[in-house]
Amino acid sequence: MSTKKIVSVEIRWEYHPADIFEEPLEVAHDGGRLTFENGTAIAKITQNLTRL
């Protein structure tokens, strides 16, 4: 069986109310980042991931 390296995973979702944050918010960490802006949240995971 071969394995493939996954470079990153991005998950998006909407939140309400869209103006809950006064300005865009970004939380960065060692394995990626989480951003909130205009009713959309994006989690981008860039840690070493492997798909079997």
Protein backbone atom coordinates (compact mmCIF):
# COMPACT_ATOMS: atom_id res chain seq x y z
CA MET A 1 0.00 0.00 0.00
CA SER A 2 1.32 3.45 -0.86
CA THR A 3 0.99 6.57 1.27
CA LYS A 4 0.52 10.13 0.09
CA LYS A 5 1.53 13.26 1.94
CA ILE A 6 -1.24 15.78 2.49
CA VAL A 7 0.18 19.29 2.31
CA SER A 8 -2.70 21.06 4.06
CA VAL A 9 -6.37 20.77 4.96
CA GLU A 10 -8.75 23.74 4.86
CA ILE A 11 -12.18 23.73 6.50
CA ARG A 12 -14.63 26.62 5.98
CA TRP A 13 -17.92 27.35 7.69
CA GLU A 14 -20.24 30.28 8.21
CA TYR A 15 -21.15 31.84 11.54
CA HIS A 16 -23.96 34.17 12.55
CA PRO A 17 -24.18 37.01 13.23
CA ALA A 18 -21.54 37.78 10.62
CA ASP A 19 -20.51 41.00 12.40
CA ILE A 20 -19.84 39.40 15.79
CA PHE A 21 -16.18 40.42 15.44
CA GLU A 22 -15.44 44.11 14.92
CA GLU A 23 -12.48 43.34 12.64
CA PRO A 24 -10.92 40.23 11.09
CA LEU A 25 -9.46 37.88 13.68
CA GLU A 26 -6.62 35.41 13.12
CA VAL A 27 -5.28 32.86 15.57
CA ALA A 28 -2.03 31.24 14.43
CA HIS A 29 -0.49 28.19 16.03
CA ASP A 30 2.25 25.70 15.27
CA GLY A 31 0.06 23.46 13.09
CA GLY A 32 -1.90 26.08 11.16
CA ARG A 33 -4.25 29.02 11.64
CA LEU A 34 -7.88 29.91 12.27
CA THR A 35 -9.39 33.09 10.78
CA PHE A 36 -12.76 34.78 11.24
CA GLU A 37 -13.98 37.45 8.83
CA ASN A 38 -17.37 38.62 7.51
CA GLY A 39 -19.28 35.55 8.68
CA THR A 40 -16.76 33.00 7.42
CA ALA A 41 -14.37 30.98 9.55
CA ILE A 42 -11.45 29.17 7.95
CA ALA A 43 -9.28 26.59 9.69
CA LYS A 44 -6.11 25.75 7.77
CA ILE A 45 -4.09 22.84 9.11
CA THR A 46 -0.55 22.57 7.75
CA GLN A 47 0.94 20.09 10.17
CA ASN A 48 2.54 16.92 8.82
CA LEU A 49 -0.37 14.78 7.68
CA THR A 50 -0.30 11.40 5.94
CA ARG A 51 -3.08 9.60 4.13
CA LEU A 52 -2.92 5.82 4.03
